[in-house]
C-alpha atoms as a PDB file:
ATOM      1  CA  MET A   1       0.000   0.000   0.000  1.00  0.00           C
ATOM      2  CA  ASP A   2       1.243   3.468  -0.867  1.00  0.00           C
ATOM      3  CA  LYS A   3       1.675   6.102   1.793  1.00  0.00           C
ATOM      4  CA  ILE A   4       1.390   9.837   2.242  1.00  0.00           C
ATOM      5  CA  THR A   5       2.794  11.919   5.075  1.00  0.00           C
ATOM      6  CA  PHE A   6       1.433  14.862   7.044  1.00  0.00           C
ATOM      7  CA  PHE A   7       2.931  16.993   9.781  1.00  0.00           C
ATOM      8  CA  SER A   8       2.026  15.465  13.135  1.00  0.00           C
ATOM      9  CA  ARG A   9       0.265  18.675  14.211  1.00  0.00           C
ATOM     10  CA  LEU A  10      -2.406  17.858  11.586  1.00  0.00           C
ATOM     11  CA  GLU A  11      -3.208  14.375  12.895  1.00  0.00           C
ATOM     12  CA  ARG A  12      -6.285  15.381  14.924  1.00  0.00           C
ATOM     13  CA  GLN A  13      -7.657  17.443  12.066  1.00  0.00           C
ATOM     14  CA  ILE A  14      -7.272  14.546   9.634  1.00  0.00           C
ATOM     15  CA  VAL A  15      -8.835  11.952  11.930  1.00  0.00           C
ATOM     16  CA  SER A  16     -11.735  14.254  12.874  1.00  0.00           C
ATOM     17  CA  GLY A  17     -12.501  15.069   9.233  1.00  0.00           C
ATOM     18  CA  LYS A  18     -11.817  18.798   9.625  1.00  0.00           C
ATOM     19  CA  LYS A  19      -8.972  18.563   7.120  1.00  0.00           C
ATOM     20  CA  THR A  20     -10.405  17.293   3.847  1.00  0.00           C
ATOM     21  CA  THR A  21      -7.830  18.572   1.388  1.00  0.00           C
ATOM     22  CA  THR A  22      -4.093  18.526   1.009  1.00  0.00           C
ATOM     23  CA  ILE A  23      -2.230  20.741  -1.403  1.00  0.00           C
ATOM     24  CA  ARG A  24       0.922  19.139  -2.747  1.00  0.00           C
ATOM     25  CA  ASP A  25       3.558  20.426  -5.119  1.00  0.00           C
ATOM     26  CA  LYS A  26       4.484  18.804  -8.421  1.00  0.00           C
ATOM     27  CA  SER A  27       6.966  16.436  -6.745  1.00  0.00           C
ATOM     28  CA  GLU A  28       4.000  14.779  -4.998  1.00  0.00           C
ATOM     29  CA  SER A  29       1.632  14.736  -7.965  1.00  0.00           C
ATOM     30  CA  HIS A  30       1.821  10.973  -8.546  1.00  0.00           C
ATOM     31  CA  TYR A  31      -1.339  10.147  -6.567  1.00  0.00           C
ATOM     32  CA  SER A  32      -4.550   9.225  -8.401  1.00  0.00           C
ATOM     33  CA  VAL A  33      -8.307   9.283  -7.795  1.00  0.00           C
ATOM     34  CA  GLY A  34      -9.536   6.164  -6.008  1.00  0.00           C
ATOM     35  CA  GLN A  35      -6.153   5.424  -4.494  1.00  0.00           C
ATOM     36  CA  ILE A  36      -6.207   4.321  -0.859  1.00  0.00           C
ATOM     37  CA  LEU A  37      -3.176   5.425   1.125  1.00  0.00           C
ATOM     38  CA  ASP A  38      -1.801   4.863   4.578  1.00  0.00           C
ATOM     39  CA  ALA A  39      -1.338   8.295   6.144  1.00  0.00           C
ATOM     40  CA  TYR A  40       1.716   8.712   8.397  1.00  0.00           C
ATOM     41  CA  THR A  41       3.233  11.521  10.415  1.00  0.00           C
ATOM     42  CA  HIS A  42       6.142  13.136   8.630  1.00  0.00           C
ATOM     43  CA  GLU A  43       8.293  13.574  11.724  1.00  0.00           C
ATOM     44  CA  ASP A  44       8.225  10.082  13.249  1.00  0.00           C
ATOM     45  CA  ASN A  45       6.539   7.901  10.625  1.00  0.00           C
ATOM     46  CA  CYS A  46       3.622   6.848  12.879  1.00  0.00           C
ATOM     47  CA  LYS A  47       0.512   5.644  11.078  1.00  0.00           C
ATOM     48  CA  ILE A  48      -2.458   8.002  11.429  1.00  0.00           C
ATOM     49  CA  CYS A  49      -5.151   6.273   9.362  1.00  0.00           C
ATOM     50  CA  GLN A  50      -6.050   5.265   5.820  1.00  0.00           C
ATOM     51  CA  ILE A  51      -7.370   7.831   3.369  1.00  0.00           C
ATOM     52  CA  GLU A  52      -8.927   7.587  -0.071  1.00  0.00           C
ATOM     53  CA  ILE A  53      -8.305  10.161  -2.766  1.00  0.00           C
ATOM     54  CA  LEU A  54     -11.724  11.249  -3.978  1.00  0.00           C
ATOM     55  CA  SER A  55     -10.658  13.935  -6.433  1.00  0.00           C
ATOM     56  CA  ILE A  56      -7.656  15.804  -7.749  1.00  0.00           C
ATOM     57  CA  GLU A  57      -7.772  19.409  -8.864  1.00  0.00           C
ATOM     58  CA  PRO A  58      -4.661  21.076 -10.275  1.00  0.00           C
ATOM     59  CA  VAL A  59      -4.389  24.639  -8.981  1.00  0.00           C
ATOM     60  CA  GLU A  60      -1.775  27.304  -9.567  1.00  0.00           C
ATOM     61  CA  PHE A  61      -0.274  28.921  -6.470  1.00  0.00           C
ATOM     62  CA  ASN A  62      -1.666  32.354  -7.348  1.00  0.00           C
ATOM     63  CA  LYS A  63      -5.170  30.831  -7.657  1.00  0.00           C
ATOM     64  CA  LEU A  64      -5.304  29.515  -4.065  1.00  0.00           C
ATOM     65  CA  ASN A  65      -8.191  31.089  -2.170  1.00  0.00           C
ATOM     66  CA  ARG A  66     -10.304  30.919   0.984  1.00  0.00           C
ATOM     67  CA  THR A  67     -12.059  27.758  -0.214  1.00  0.00           C
ATOM     68  CA  HIS A  68      -8.726  25.935  -0.417  1.00  0.00           C
ATOM     69  CA  ALA A  69      -7.671  27.249   2.977  1.00  0.00           C
ATOM     70  CA  LYS A  70     -10.947  26.157   4.578  1.00  0.00           C
ATOM     71  CA  ALA A  71     -10.647  22.621   3.166  1.00  0.00           C
ATOM     72  CA  GLU A  72      -7.058  22.491   4.455  1.00  0.00           C
ATOM     73  CA  ASN A  73      -8.386  23.761   7.800  1.00  0.00           C
ATOM     74  CA  LEU A  74      -5.869  26.606   7.646  1.00  0.00           C
ATOM     75  CA  PRO A  75      -6.262  30.342   8.079  1.00  0.00           C
ATOM     76  CA  PHE A  76      -6.294  31.992   4.645  1.00  0.00           C
ATOM     77  CA  VAL A  77      -3.410  34.302   5.503  1.00  0.00           C
ATOM     78  CA  PHE A  78      -1.211  31.297   6.265  1.00  0.00           C
ATOM     79  CA  ILE A  79      -1.230  29.906   2.737  1.00  0.00           C
ATOM     80  CA  LEU A  80      -0.358  33.249   1.167  1.00  0.00           C
ATOM     81  CA  LYS A  81       2.912  33.691   3.037  1.00  0.00           C
END
């Protein structure tokens, strides 16, 4: 099974369903719709859960907006810095 990593500070948000989106750069664009992944913490490689990729939407950095930030469960200002 393939895996994907997240910062450990996001674990609760992922498990609770508050974080429903992850924005990845081109180097992590190899995932596909329908793929089921084991999600691990980036820092210590502890398994969080399994996730399924429901959709993929390419987006340019300058097109990121409040909708993206909300799905990431991040403040909008954070993603613009």
